[in-house]
N, C-alpha and C. Protein backbone atom coordinates (compact mmCIF):
# COMPACT_ATOMS: atom_id res chain seq x y z
N MET A 1 0.84 -1.18 0.00
CA MET A 1 0.00 0.00 0.00
C MET A 1 0.88 1.24 0.00
N LYS A 2 0.51 2.24 -0.79
CA LYS A 2 1.26 3.48 -0.83
C LYS A 2 1.01 4.29 0.43
N LEU A 3 1.99 5.13 0.79
CA LEU A 3 1.87 5.96 1.98
C LEU A 3 0.64 6.87 1.91
N SER A 4 0.37 7.43 0.74
CA SER A 4 -0.79 8.32 0.60
C SER A 4 -2.10 7.53 0.80
N GLU A 5 -2.13 6.26 0.35
CA GLU A 5 -3.32 5.43 0.54
C GLU A 5 -3.51 5.09 2.02
N ILE A 6 -2.41 4.81 2.71
CA ILE A 6 -2.47 4.52 4.15
C ILE A 6 -3.00 5.75 4.90
N ASN A 7 -2.47 6.92 4.56
CA ASN A 7 -2.92 8.15 5.23
C ASN A 7 -4.40 8.40 4.99
N ARG A 8 -4.87 8.16 3.75
CA ARG A 8 -6.31 8.34 3.45
C ARG A 8 -7.17 7.36 4.24
N ALA A 9 -6.71 6.11 4.33
CA ALA A 9 -7.46 5.09 5.07
C ALA A 9 -7.54 5.44 6.55
N ILE A 10 -6.46 5.91 7.14
CA ILE A 10 -6.45 6.32 8.55
C ILE A 10 -7.42 7.47 8.75
N PHE A 11 -7.36 8.45 7.85
CA PHE A 11 -8.25 9.61 7.95
C PHE A 11 -9.72 9.17 7.89
N GLU A 12 -10.01 8.25 6.97
CA GLU A 12 -11.40 7.77 6.81
C GLU A 12 -11.86 7.00 8.05
N LEU A 13 -10.98 6.15 8.60
CA LEU A 13 -11.33 5.39 9.81
C LEU A 13 -11.53 6.32 11.01
N GLU A 14 -10.68 7.35 11.12
CA GLU A 14 -10.84 8.31 12.22
C GLU A 14 -12.16 9.07 12.08
N ARG A 15 -12.56 9.35 10.85
CA ARG A 15 -13.83 10.04 10.62
C ARG A 15 -15.01 9.15 11.04
N LEU A 16 -14.94 7.88 10.66
CA LEU A 16 -15.99 6.93 11.06
C LEU A 16 -16.05 6.77 12.58
N LEU A 17 -14.87 6.73 13.21
CA LEU A 17 -14.81 6.60 14.67
C LEU A 17 -15.47 7.80 15.34
N ASP A 18 -15.20 8.99 14.84
CA ASP A 18 -15.82 10.21 15.39
C ASP A 18 -17.33 10.14 15.26
N GLU A 19 -17.83 9.67 14.10
CA GLU A 19 -19.28 9.56 13.87
C GLU A 19 -19.91 8.57 14.84
N LEU A 20 -19.24 7.41 15.04
CA LEU A 20 -19.79 6.40 15.96
C LEU A 20 -19.78 6.89 17.40
N GLU A 21 -18.69 7.61 17.79
CA GLU A 21 -18.60 8.10 19.16
C GLU A 21 -19.66 9.17 19.43
N GLN A 22 -20.07 9.90 18.41
CA GLN A 22 -21.05 10.97 18.59
C GLN A 22 -22.49 10.45 18.49
N SER A 23 -22.67 9.24 17.95
CA SER A 23 -24.03 8.71 17.88
C SER A 23 -24.49 8.30 19.29
N GLU A 24 -25.81 8.22 19.50
CA GLU A 24 -26.36 8.00 20.84
C GLU A 24 -26.12 6.59 21.36
N SER A 25 -26.16 5.61 20.50
CA SER A 25 -25.95 4.24 20.99
C SER A 25 -24.95 3.52 20.08
N PRO A 26 -23.66 3.79 20.27
CA PRO A 26 -22.67 3.13 19.43
C PRO A 26 -22.49 1.66 19.83
N PRO A 27 -22.49 0.77 18.87
CA PRO A 27 -22.22 -0.64 19.19
C PRO A 27 -20.74 -0.80 19.55
N GLU A 28 -20.51 -1.39 20.70
CA GLU A 28 -19.16 -1.52 21.23
C GLU A 28 -18.23 -2.34 20.32
N ASP A 29 -18.73 -3.42 19.78
CA ASP A 29 -17.87 -4.27 18.95
C ASP A 29 -17.46 -3.57 17.66
N GLN A 30 -18.37 -2.79 17.09
CA GLN A 30 -18.04 -2.03 15.86
C GLN A 30 -16.99 -0.96 16.18
N LEU A 31 -17.17 -0.31 17.31
CA LEU A 31 -16.22 0.72 17.76
C LEU A 31 -14.83 0.10 17.98
N GLU A 32 -14.78 -1.06 18.58
CA GLU A 32 -13.51 -1.72 18.86
C GLU A 32 -12.80 -2.15 17.57
N ARG A 33 -13.56 -2.65 16.58
CA ARG A 33 -12.95 -3.05 15.29
C ARG A 33 -12.34 -1.86 14.57
N ILE A 34 -13.01 -0.71 14.63
CA ILE A 34 -12.48 0.49 13.97
C ILE A 34 -11.19 0.94 14.66
N LYS A 35 -11.18 0.89 15.99
CA LYS A 35 -9.96 1.27 16.73
C LYS A 35 -8.80 0.34 16.37
N GLN A 36 -9.09 -0.95 16.26
CA GLN A 36 -8.04 -1.91 15.88
C GLN A 36 -7.55 -1.66 14.45
N ALA A 37 -8.49 -1.33 13.56
CA ALA A 37 -8.11 -1.04 12.17
C ALA A 37 -7.22 0.20 12.10
N ILE A 38 -7.57 1.21 12.91
CA ILE A 38 -6.74 2.45 12.95
C ILE A 38 -5.34 2.12 13.45
N GLU A 39 -5.26 1.33 14.54
CA GLU A 39 -3.94 0.97 15.08
C GLU A 39 -3.13 0.18 14.05
N GLN A 40 -3.81 -0.73 13.33
CA GLN A 40 -3.11 -1.52 12.32
C GLN A 40 -2.60 -0.61 11.19
N MET A 41 -3.44 0.32 10.74
CA MET A 41 -3.04 1.23 9.65
C MET A 41 -1.90 2.15 10.11
N GLU A 42 -1.97 2.61 11.36
CA GLU A 42 -0.88 3.45 11.88
C GLU A 42 0.42 2.66 11.94
N GLY A 43 0.32 1.37 12.31
CA GLY A 43 1.50 0.51 12.32
C GLY A 43 2.07 0.34 10.91
N GLN A 44 1.17 0.16 9.91
CA GLN A 44 1.62 0.04 8.52
C GLN A 44 2.29 1.34 8.06
N ARG A 45 1.72 2.48 8.48
CA ARG A 45 2.31 3.77 8.09
C ARG A 45 3.71 3.91 8.68
N GLU A 46 3.85 3.57 9.97
CA GLU A 46 5.16 3.66 10.61
C GLU A 46 6.16 2.74 9.91
N GLU A 47 5.73 1.51 9.60
CA GLU A 47 6.60 0.56 8.91
C GLU A 47 6.99 1.09 7.53
N LYS A 48 6.03 1.67 6.82
CA LYS A 48 6.29 2.25 5.49
C LYS A 48 7.32 3.37 5.60
N LEU A 49 7.13 4.26 6.58
CA LEU A 49 8.06 5.38 6.77
C LEU A 49 9.46 4.88 7.13
N LEU A 50 9.54 3.86 7.98
CA LEU A 50 10.84 3.29 8.34
C LEU A 50 11.51 2.64 7.12
N ASN A 51 10.73 1.94 6.29
CA ASN A 51 11.29 1.33 5.08
C ASN A 51 11.83 2.40 4.13
N ILE A 52 11.08 3.49 3.98
CA ILE A 52 11.54 4.59 3.12
C ILE A 52 12.83 5.18 3.68
N ALA A 53 12.90 5.35 5.01
CA ALA A 53 14.11 5.89 5.65
C ALA A 53 15.31 4.98 5.42
N ARG A 54 15.08 3.63 5.53
CA ARG A 54 16.18 2.68 5.28
C ARG A 54 16.65 2.74 3.82
N TRP A 55 15.70 2.84 2.91
CA TRP A 55 16.02 2.91 1.48
C TRP A 55 16.81 4.18 1.18
N ARG A 56 16.36 5.30 1.77
CA ARG A 56 17.06 6.59 1.58
C ARG A 56 18.50 6.49 2.10
N LYS A 57 18.67 5.88 3.27
CA LYS A 57 20.00 5.73 3.87
C LYS A 57 20.89 4.86 2.96
N GLN A 58 20.31 3.80 2.40
CA GLN A 58 21.06 2.93 1.49
C GLN A 58 21.51 3.70 0.25
N LEU A 59 20.61 4.53 -0.30
CA LEU A 59 20.96 5.32 -1.49
C LEU A 59 22.05 6.34 -1.16
N GLN A 60 21.97 6.95 0.03
CA GLN A 60 23.00 7.90 0.45
C GLN A 60 24.36 7.21 0.52
N THR A 61 24.38 6.03 1.11
CA THR A 61 25.63 5.28 1.24
C THR A 61 26.19 4.91 -0.13
N GLU A 62 25.31 4.42 -1.03
CA GLU A 62 25.76 4.07 -2.37
C GLU A 62 26.29 5.29 -3.12
N ALA A 63 25.58 6.41 -3.00
CA ALA A 63 26.03 7.63 -3.70
C ALA A 63 27.39 8.06 -3.20
N LYS A 64 27.59 7.96 -1.89
CA LYS A 64 28.85 8.43 -1.31
C LYS A 64 30.00 7.45 -1.54
N GLU A 65 29.75 6.19 -1.20
CA GLU A 65 30.85 5.22 -1.23
C GLU A 65 31.04 4.56 -2.59
N ILE A 66 29.99 3.98 -3.12
CA ILE A 66 30.14 3.20 -4.36
C ILE A 66 30.30 4.13 -5.56
N ILE A 67 29.32 5.01 -5.78
CA ILE A 67 29.37 5.90 -6.95
C ILE A 67 30.50 6.91 -6.79
N GLY A 68 30.66 7.47 -5.57
CA GLY A 68 31.76 8.40 -5.32
C GLY A 68 33.11 7.75 -5.57
N GLY A 69 33.23 6.49 -5.13
CA GLY A 69 34.48 5.76 -5.37
C GLY A 69 34.72 5.50 -6.85
N GLU A 70 33.65 5.20 -7.57
CA GLU A 70 33.77 4.96 -9.02
C GLU A 70 34.16 6.24 -9.75
N ILE A 71 33.58 7.36 -9.33
CA ILE A 71 33.93 8.65 -9.94
C ILE A 71 35.42 8.93 -9.71
N LYS A 72 35.90 8.73 -8.47
CA LYS A 72 37.31 8.97 -8.17
C LYS A 72 38.20 8.04 -8.99
N ARG A 73 37.78 6.77 -9.10
CA ARG A 73 38.57 5.81 -9.88
C ARG A 73 38.68 6.25 -11.33
N LEU A 74 37.55 6.70 -11.91
CA LEU A 74 37.56 7.15 -13.31
C LEU A 74 38.37 8.44 -13.48
N GLN A 75 38.28 9.35 -12.50
CA GLN A 75 39.08 10.58 -12.56
C GLN A 75 40.57 10.24 -12.51
N ASP A 76 40.94 9.31 -11.63
CA ASP A 76 42.34 8.88 -11.53
C ASP A 76 42.79 8.22 -12.84
N ARG A 77 41.92 7.41 -13.42
CA ARG A 77 42.24 6.75 -14.69
C ARG A 77 42.42 7.77 -15.80
N LYS A 78 41.52 8.77 -15.85
CA LYS A 78 41.63 9.83 -16.85
C LYS A 78 42.96 10.57 -16.70
N LYS A 79 43.32 10.90 -15.45
CA LYS A 79 44.57 11.61 -15.20
C LYS A 79 45.76 10.75 -15.65
N ALA A 80 45.70 9.45 -15.37
CA ALA A 80 46.78 8.55 -15.80
C ALA A 80 46.89 8.52 -17.32
N TYR A 81 45.75 8.47 -18.03
CA TYR A 81 45.75 8.49 -19.49
C TYR A 81 46.34 9.80 -20.00
N GLU A 82 45.93 10.92 -19.40
CA GLU A 82 46.44 12.23 -19.83
C GLU A 82 47.95 12.31 -19.63
N ASN A 83 48.43 11.79 -18.49
CA ASN A 83 49.87 11.78 -18.23
C ASN A 83 50.60 10.90 -19.24
N ARG A 84 49.99 9.76 -19.58
CA ARG A 84 50.61 8.86 -20.56
C ARG A 84 50.66 9.53 -21.94
N VAL A 85 49.58 10.21 -22.33
CA VAL A 85 49.54 10.92 -23.62
C VAL A 85 50.64 11.97 -23.67
N LYS A 86 50.79 12.73 -22.58
CA LYS A 86 51.84 13.77 -22.55
C LYS A 86 53.23 13.13 -22.62
N SER A 87 53.42 12.06 -21.85
CA SER A 87 54.71 11.38 -21.83
C SER A 87 55.05 10.82 -23.22
N LEU A 88 54.08 10.19 -23.88
CA LEU A 88 54.32 9.65 -25.23
C LEU A 88 54.58 10.78 -26.22
N GLY A 89 53.87 11.90 -26.06
CA GLY A 89 54.11 13.06 -26.93
C GLY A 89 55.53 13.60 -26.77
N ASP A 90 55.97 13.70 -25.50
CA ASP A 90 57.34 14.16 -25.24
C ASP A 90 58.37 13.19 -25.83
N TYR A 91 58.08 11.90 -25.72
CA TYR A 91 58.98 10.88 -26.25
C TYR A 91 59.05 10.96 -27.78
N LEU A 92 57.89 11.12 -28.43
CA LEU A 92 57.85 11.28 -29.88
C LEU A 92 58.60 12.53 -30.31
N TYR A 93 58.40 13.62 -29.59
CA TYR A 93 59.06 14.88 -29.90
C TYR A 93 60.58 14.71 -29.83
N TRP A 94 61.03 14.08 -28.75
CA TRP A 94 62.46 13.83 -28.59
C TRP A 94 62.99 12.97 -29.74
N GLY A 95 62.23 11.91 -30.08
CA GLY A 95 62.67 11.02 -31.16
C GLY A 95 62.68 11.71 -32.51
N LEU A 96 61.70 12.56 -32.80
CA LEU A 96 61.63 13.26 -34.08
C LEU A 96 62.72 14.32 -34.22
N GLN A 97 63.27 14.78 -33.11
CA GLN A 97 64.37 15.75 -33.18
C GLN A 97 65.58 15.15 -33.92
N GLU A 98 65.72 13.84 -33.84
CA GLU A 98 66.85 13.15 -34.45
C GLU A 98 66.60 12.78 -35.92
N VAL A 99 65.35 12.91 -36.38
CA VAL A 99 64.99 12.52 -37.74
C VAL A 99 65.26 13.69 -38.69
N GLU A 100 65.90 13.38 -39.81
CA GLU A 100 66.16 14.41 -40.81
C GLU A 100 64.84 14.91 -41.38
N GLY A 101 64.65 16.20 -41.39
CA GLY A 101 63.41 16.78 -41.89
C GLY A 101 62.29 16.77 -40.86
N LYS A 102 62.56 16.15 -39.72
CA LYS A 102 61.60 16.09 -38.62
C LYS A 102 60.22 15.59 -39.05
N LYS A 103 60.22 14.63 -39.99
CA LYS A 103 58.96 14.11 -40.53
C LYS A 103 59.13 12.66 -40.92
N ILE A 104 58.12 11.83 -40.63
CA ILE A 104 58.11 10.43 -41.05
C ILE A 104 56.79 10.18 -41.77
N LYS A 105 56.90 9.73 -43.04
CA LYS A 105 55.70 9.42 -43.82
C LYS A 105 55.50 7.92 -43.87
N SER A 106 54.24 7.49 -43.79
CA SER A 106 53.90 6.08 -43.89
C SER A 106 52.52 5.96 -44.52
N PRO A 107 52.11 4.75 -44.91
CA PRO A 107 50.77 4.59 -45.50
C PRO A 107 49.63 4.94 -44.52
N ILE A 108 49.89 4.83 -43.21
CA ILE A 108 48.81 5.11 -42.26
C ILE A 108 48.77 6.58 -41.82
N GLY A 109 49.80 7.34 -42.15
CA GLY A 109 49.80 8.75 -41.79
C GLY A 109 51.20 9.34 -41.77
N THR A 110 51.25 10.62 -41.47
CA THR A 110 52.51 11.34 -41.40
C THR A 110 52.71 11.85 -39.97
N LEU A 111 53.90 11.61 -39.44
CA LEU A 111 54.27 12.05 -38.11
C LEU A 111 55.29 13.16 -38.27
N TYR A 112 55.01 14.31 -37.66
CA TYR A 112 55.92 15.44 -37.82
C TYR A 112 55.81 16.41 -36.65
N ILE A 113 56.78 17.31 -36.57
CA ILE A 113 56.76 18.37 -35.56
C ILE A 113 56.20 19.62 -36.22
N GLN A 114 55.16 20.18 -35.59
CA GLN A 114 54.52 21.38 -36.14
C GLN A 114 54.67 22.53 -35.14
N ARG A 115 54.98 23.70 -35.67
CA ARG A 115 55.07 24.89 -34.83
C ARG A 115 53.67 25.27 -34.38
N ASN A 116 53.54 25.72 -33.12
CA ASN A 116 52.25 26.15 -32.60
C ASN A 116 51.74 27.33 -33.41
N SER A 117 50.43 27.48 -33.46
CA SER A 117 49.82 28.54 -34.28
C SER A 117 50.02 29.93 -33.67
N ALA A 118 50.28 30.00 -32.37
CA ALA A 118 50.51 31.29 -31.72
C ALA A 118 51.65 31.14 -30.72
N PRO A 119 52.41 32.22 -30.53
CA PRO A 119 53.52 32.14 -29.58
C PRO A 119 53.03 32.25 -28.14
N LYS A 120 53.86 31.84 -27.22
CA LYS A 120 53.59 32.02 -25.79
C LYS A 120 54.12 33.40 -25.41
N VAL A 121 53.26 34.20 -24.78
CA VAL A 121 53.63 35.56 -24.39
C VAL A 121 53.83 35.61 -22.89
N GLU A 122 54.99 36.11 -22.48
CA GLU A 122 55.27 36.34 -21.06
C GLU A 122 55.52 37.83 -20.88
N VAL A 123 54.80 38.43 -19.93
CA VAL A 123 54.97 39.86 -19.67
C VAL A 123 56.00 40.02 -18.56
N ILE A 124 57.06 40.77 -18.88
CA ILE A 124 58.14 41.01 -17.92
C ILE A 124 57.90 42.34 -17.20
N ASP A 125 57.48 43.36 -17.97
CA ASP A 125 57.22 44.69 -17.40
C ASP A 125 55.99 45.28 -18.08
N HIS A 126 54.84 45.19 -17.42
CA HIS A 126 53.60 45.67 -18.04
C HIS A 126 53.53 47.19 -18.12
N HIS A 127 54.37 47.90 -17.36
CA HIS A 127 54.36 49.36 -17.40
C HIS A 127 54.93 49.91 -18.71
N SER A 128 55.80 49.13 -19.35
CA SER A 128 56.44 49.62 -20.58
C SER A 128 55.69 49.22 -21.85
N LEU A 129 54.54 48.57 -21.71
CA LEU A 129 53.79 48.13 -22.88
C LEU A 129 53.03 49.28 -23.54
N ASP A 130 52.99 49.24 -24.85
CA ASP A 130 52.30 50.24 -25.65
C ASP A 130 50.79 50.18 -25.41
N ASP A 131 50.09 51.31 -25.64
CA ASP A 131 48.63 51.39 -25.44
C ASP A 131 47.85 50.40 -26.30
N ARG A 132 48.40 50.02 -27.46
CA ARG A 132 47.65 49.12 -28.36
C ARG A 132 47.41 47.74 -27.75
N PHE A 133 48.15 47.43 -26.67
CA PHE A 133 48.00 46.12 -26.04
C PHE A 133 47.07 46.12 -24.83
N TRP A 134 46.40 47.24 -24.63
CA TRP A 134 45.44 47.36 -23.51
C TRP A 134 44.04 47.50 -24.09
N THR A 135 43.11 46.65 -23.65
CA THR A 135 41.74 46.65 -24.16
C THR A 135 40.81 47.22 -23.10
N PRO A 136 40.01 48.25 -23.47
CA PRO A 136 39.04 48.79 -22.49
C PRO A 136 38.00 47.72 -22.13
N VAL A 137 37.77 47.57 -20.83
CA VAL A 137 36.78 46.59 -20.38
C VAL A 137 35.58 47.25 -19.72
N GLU A 138 35.78 48.46 -19.19
CA GLU A 138 34.68 49.13 -18.50
C GLU A 138 35.03 50.60 -18.28
N THR A 139 33.97 51.44 -18.25
CA THR A 139 34.12 52.84 -17.90
C THR A 139 33.24 53.08 -16.68
N VAL A 140 33.84 53.63 -15.63
CA VAL A 140 33.12 53.82 -14.36
C VAL A 140 33.35 55.23 -13.83
N SER A 141 32.47 55.61 -12.89
CA SER A 141 32.68 56.89 -12.20
C SER A 141 33.65 56.67 -11.05
N GLU A 142 34.12 57.75 -10.48
CA GLU A 142 35.14 57.68 -9.43
C GLU A 142 34.65 56.92 -8.20
N GLN A 143 33.38 57.05 -7.86
CA GLN A 143 32.83 56.44 -6.65
C GLN A 143 32.27 55.02 -6.88
N GLU A 144 32.17 54.60 -8.11
CA GLU A 144 31.53 53.33 -8.45
C GLU A 144 32.46 52.15 -8.18
N PRO A 145 32.01 51.17 -7.35
CA PRO A 145 32.85 49.98 -7.12
C PRO A 145 32.85 49.09 -8.37
N ILE A 146 33.92 48.32 -8.52
CA ILE A 146 34.04 47.46 -9.70
C ILE A 146 34.72 46.16 -9.30
N GLU A 147 34.27 45.06 -9.89
CA GLU A 147 34.91 43.76 -9.67
C GLU A 147 35.73 43.41 -10.90
N LEU A 148 36.98 43.03 -10.68
CA LEU A 148 37.87 42.70 -11.79
C LEU A 148 38.37 41.27 -11.67
N SER A 149 38.44 40.58 -12.80
CA SER A 149 39.03 39.25 -12.82
C SER A 149 40.55 39.40 -12.73
N PRO A 150 41.26 38.33 -12.39
CA PRO A 150 42.73 38.43 -12.29
C PRO A 150 43.35 38.87 -13.61
N GLY A 151 44.41 39.64 -13.52
CA GLY A 151 45.13 40.11 -14.71
C GLY A 151 45.76 41.45 -14.45
N TYR A 152 46.46 41.97 -15.47
CA TYR A 152 47.06 43.30 -15.39
C TYR A 152 46.06 44.32 -15.90
N TYR A 153 45.91 45.43 -15.17
CA TYR A 153 45.00 46.50 -15.55
C TYR A 153 45.72 47.84 -15.49
N ASN A 154 45.23 48.79 -16.30
CA ASN A 154 45.62 50.18 -16.09
C ASN A 154 44.37 51.03 -16.19
N PHE A 155 44.45 52.23 -15.68
CA PHE A 155 43.28 53.10 -15.56
C PHE A 155 43.60 54.46 -16.15
N ILE A 156 42.67 54.98 -16.94
CA ILE A 156 42.83 56.30 -17.54
C ILE A 156 41.67 57.16 -17.08
N VAL A 157 41.99 58.34 -16.54
CA VAL A 157 40.95 59.27 -16.11
C VAL A 157 40.69 60.24 -17.28
N GLU A 158 39.43 60.26 -17.74
CA GLU A 158 39.05 61.13 -18.85
C GLU A 158 38.72 62.52 -18.32
N THR A 159 38.57 63.48 -19.23
CA THR A 159 38.31 64.87 -18.84
C THR A 159 36.98 65.03 -18.10
N ASP A 160 36.01 64.17 -18.36
CA ASP A 160 34.71 64.29 -17.68
C ASP A 160 34.72 63.56 -16.32
N GLY A 161 35.87 63.06 -15.88
CA GLY A 161 35.99 62.41 -14.58
C GLY A 161 35.75 60.91 -14.61
N LYS A 162 35.30 60.38 -15.74
CA LYS A 162 35.09 58.94 -15.86
C LYS A 162 36.44 58.22 -15.92
N ILE A 163 36.44 57.00 -15.42
CA ILE A 163 37.68 56.20 -15.40
C ILE A 163 37.51 55.04 -16.38
N VAL A 164 38.43 54.94 -17.32
CA VAL A 164 38.42 53.83 -18.28
C VAL A 164 39.34 52.75 -17.73
N VAL A 165 38.77 51.57 -17.52
CA VAL A 165 39.53 50.42 -17.02
C VAL A 165 39.95 49.61 -18.23
N ARG A 166 41.27 49.39 -18.36
CA ARG A 166 41.79 48.62 -19.49
C ARG A 166 42.57 47.42 -18.98
N LYS A 167 42.38 46.30 -19.68
CA LYS A 167 43.05 45.06 -19.30
C LYS A 167 44.09 44.70 -20.35
N LEU A 168 45.21 44.17 -19.88
CA LEU A 168 46.26 43.73 -20.78
C LEU A 168 45.74 42.60 -21.66
N ASP A 169 45.95 42.72 -22.98
CA ASP A 169 45.43 41.77 -23.96
C ASP A 169 46.59 40.94 -24.53
N TYR A 170 46.76 39.76 -24.00
CA TYR A 170 47.85 38.88 -24.43
C TYR A 170 47.70 38.49 -25.90
N LYS A 171 46.47 38.30 -26.34
CA LYS A 171 46.23 37.93 -27.75
C LYS A 171 46.68 39.07 -28.67
N ALA A 172 46.45 40.31 -28.27
CA ALA A 172 46.88 41.45 -29.08
C ALA A 172 48.40 41.46 -29.22
N ILE A 173 49.11 41.13 -28.14
CA ILE A 173 50.58 41.06 -28.18
C ILE A 173 51.01 39.94 -29.14
N SER A 174 50.38 38.78 -29.00
CA SER A 174 50.70 37.64 -29.86
C SER A 174 50.43 37.97 -31.32
N ASP A 175 49.25 38.56 -31.60
CA ASP A 175 48.90 38.93 -32.97
C ASP A 175 49.88 39.95 -33.55
N TRP A 176 50.29 40.91 -32.74
CA TRP A 176 51.26 41.92 -33.19
C TRP A 176 52.59 41.26 -33.57
N HIS A 177 53.03 40.34 -32.75
CA HIS A 177 54.29 39.64 -33.04
C HIS A 177 54.18 38.82 -34.32
N ILE A 178 53.05 38.13 -34.51
CA ILE A 178 52.85 37.32 -35.72
C ILE A 178 52.84 38.22 -36.95
N LYS A 179 52.18 39.37 -36.85
CA LYS A 179 52.04 40.29 -37.98
C LYS A 179 53.35 41.01 -38.32
N THR A 180 54.06 41.48 -37.28
CA THR A 180 55.24 42.32 -37.53
C THR A 180 56.57 41.63 -37.29
N GLY A 181 56.57 40.57 -36.51
CA GLY A 181 57.82 39.91 -36.15
C GLY A 181 58.52 40.61 -34.99
N GLU A 182 57.97 41.72 -34.52
CA GLU A 182 58.59 42.47 -33.42
C GLU A 182 58.20 41.87 -32.07
N ILE A 183 59.13 41.98 -31.13
CA ILE A 183 58.83 41.59 -29.75
C ILE A 183 58.61 42.88 -28.97
N PRO A 184 57.37 43.14 -28.54
CA PRO A 184 57.09 44.39 -27.83
C PRO A 184 57.92 44.52 -26.57
N GLU A 185 58.33 45.75 -26.29
CA GLU A 185 59.12 46.04 -25.09
C GLU A 185 58.33 45.59 -23.86
N GLY A 186 59.01 44.94 -22.92
CA GLY A 186 58.38 44.48 -21.70
C GLY A 186 57.81 43.07 -21.80
N THR A 187 58.07 42.40 -22.94
CA THR A 187 57.55 41.04 -23.09
C THR A 187 58.65 40.08 -23.51
N LYS A 188 58.37 38.81 -23.33
CA LYS A 188 59.24 37.74 -23.81
C LYS A 188 58.33 36.82 -24.62
N ILE A 189 58.74 36.48 -25.83
CA ILE A 189 57.90 35.68 -26.71
C ILE A 189 58.66 34.42 -27.12
N GLU A 190 57.98 33.29 -26.98
CA GLU A 190 58.57 32.01 -27.36
C GLU A 190 57.60 31.26 -28.26
N TRP A 191 58.16 30.71 -29.32
CA TRP A 191 57.34 29.85 -30.20
C TRP A 191 57.56 28.42 -29.76
N GLY A 192 56.48 27.73 -29.52
CA GLY A 192 56.55 26.32 -29.17
C GLY A 192 56.21 25.46 -30.36
N SER A 193 56.33 24.17 -30.19
CA SER A 193 55.95 23.23 -31.24
C SER A 193 55.41 21.97 -30.57
N HIS A 194 54.75 21.16 -31.36
CA HIS A 194 54.17 19.93 -30.83
C HIS A 194 54.18 18.85 -31.91
N VAL A 195 53.99 17.62 -31.47
CA VAL A 195 53.97 16.47 -32.38
C VAL A 195 52.57 16.36 -32.99
N LYS A 196 52.54 16.13 -34.30
CA LYS A 196 51.28 15.97 -35.01
C LYS A 196 51.34 14.65 -35.78
N PHE A 197 50.21 13.93 -35.81
CA PHE A 197 50.13 12.69 -36.57
C PHE A 197 48.80 12.68 -37.28
N ARG A 198 48.88 12.65 -38.63
CA ARG A 198 47.63 12.54 -39.41
C ARG A 198 47.89 11.90 -40.73
């Protein structure tokens, strides 16, 4: 029996009991049977609630121990695979350094070292960077609070008292280097490479 059905049955029996108790000549045996039925239904309700509580506790334990353990095991396995992929990539890179032309062709594909599409930009002195590398992110009044994500910022006060908040744009530095070949003052630029197989 469902909990809602048990509750309805108890309510109905209590209603009948009230009617019998209010009548002028209630038959004692009928009154006693209804009281016993109410006690039995209340016992079933308590048992049902206890069973639900035990089931809930079992699910909590499974979620924490079994499923939680499986999630951790899979996360550890993923990390191990990622470490193996990196290690094999480093090994291939080292091996290809010794190959003339840094390329191996085969019927199943070509293995080679490819330069990264963008350089790695390291900022040594952000104060010496040109204005073209700062991107406006917000304009605020002097009294207005502002939340900023991590990074380098500079602030320009305009003639009307507004403050322009600008953030250092690493992509702009990278794009400038790719376009002009120049290394902007205050930065260090390195081109990386990686192993490609296709």
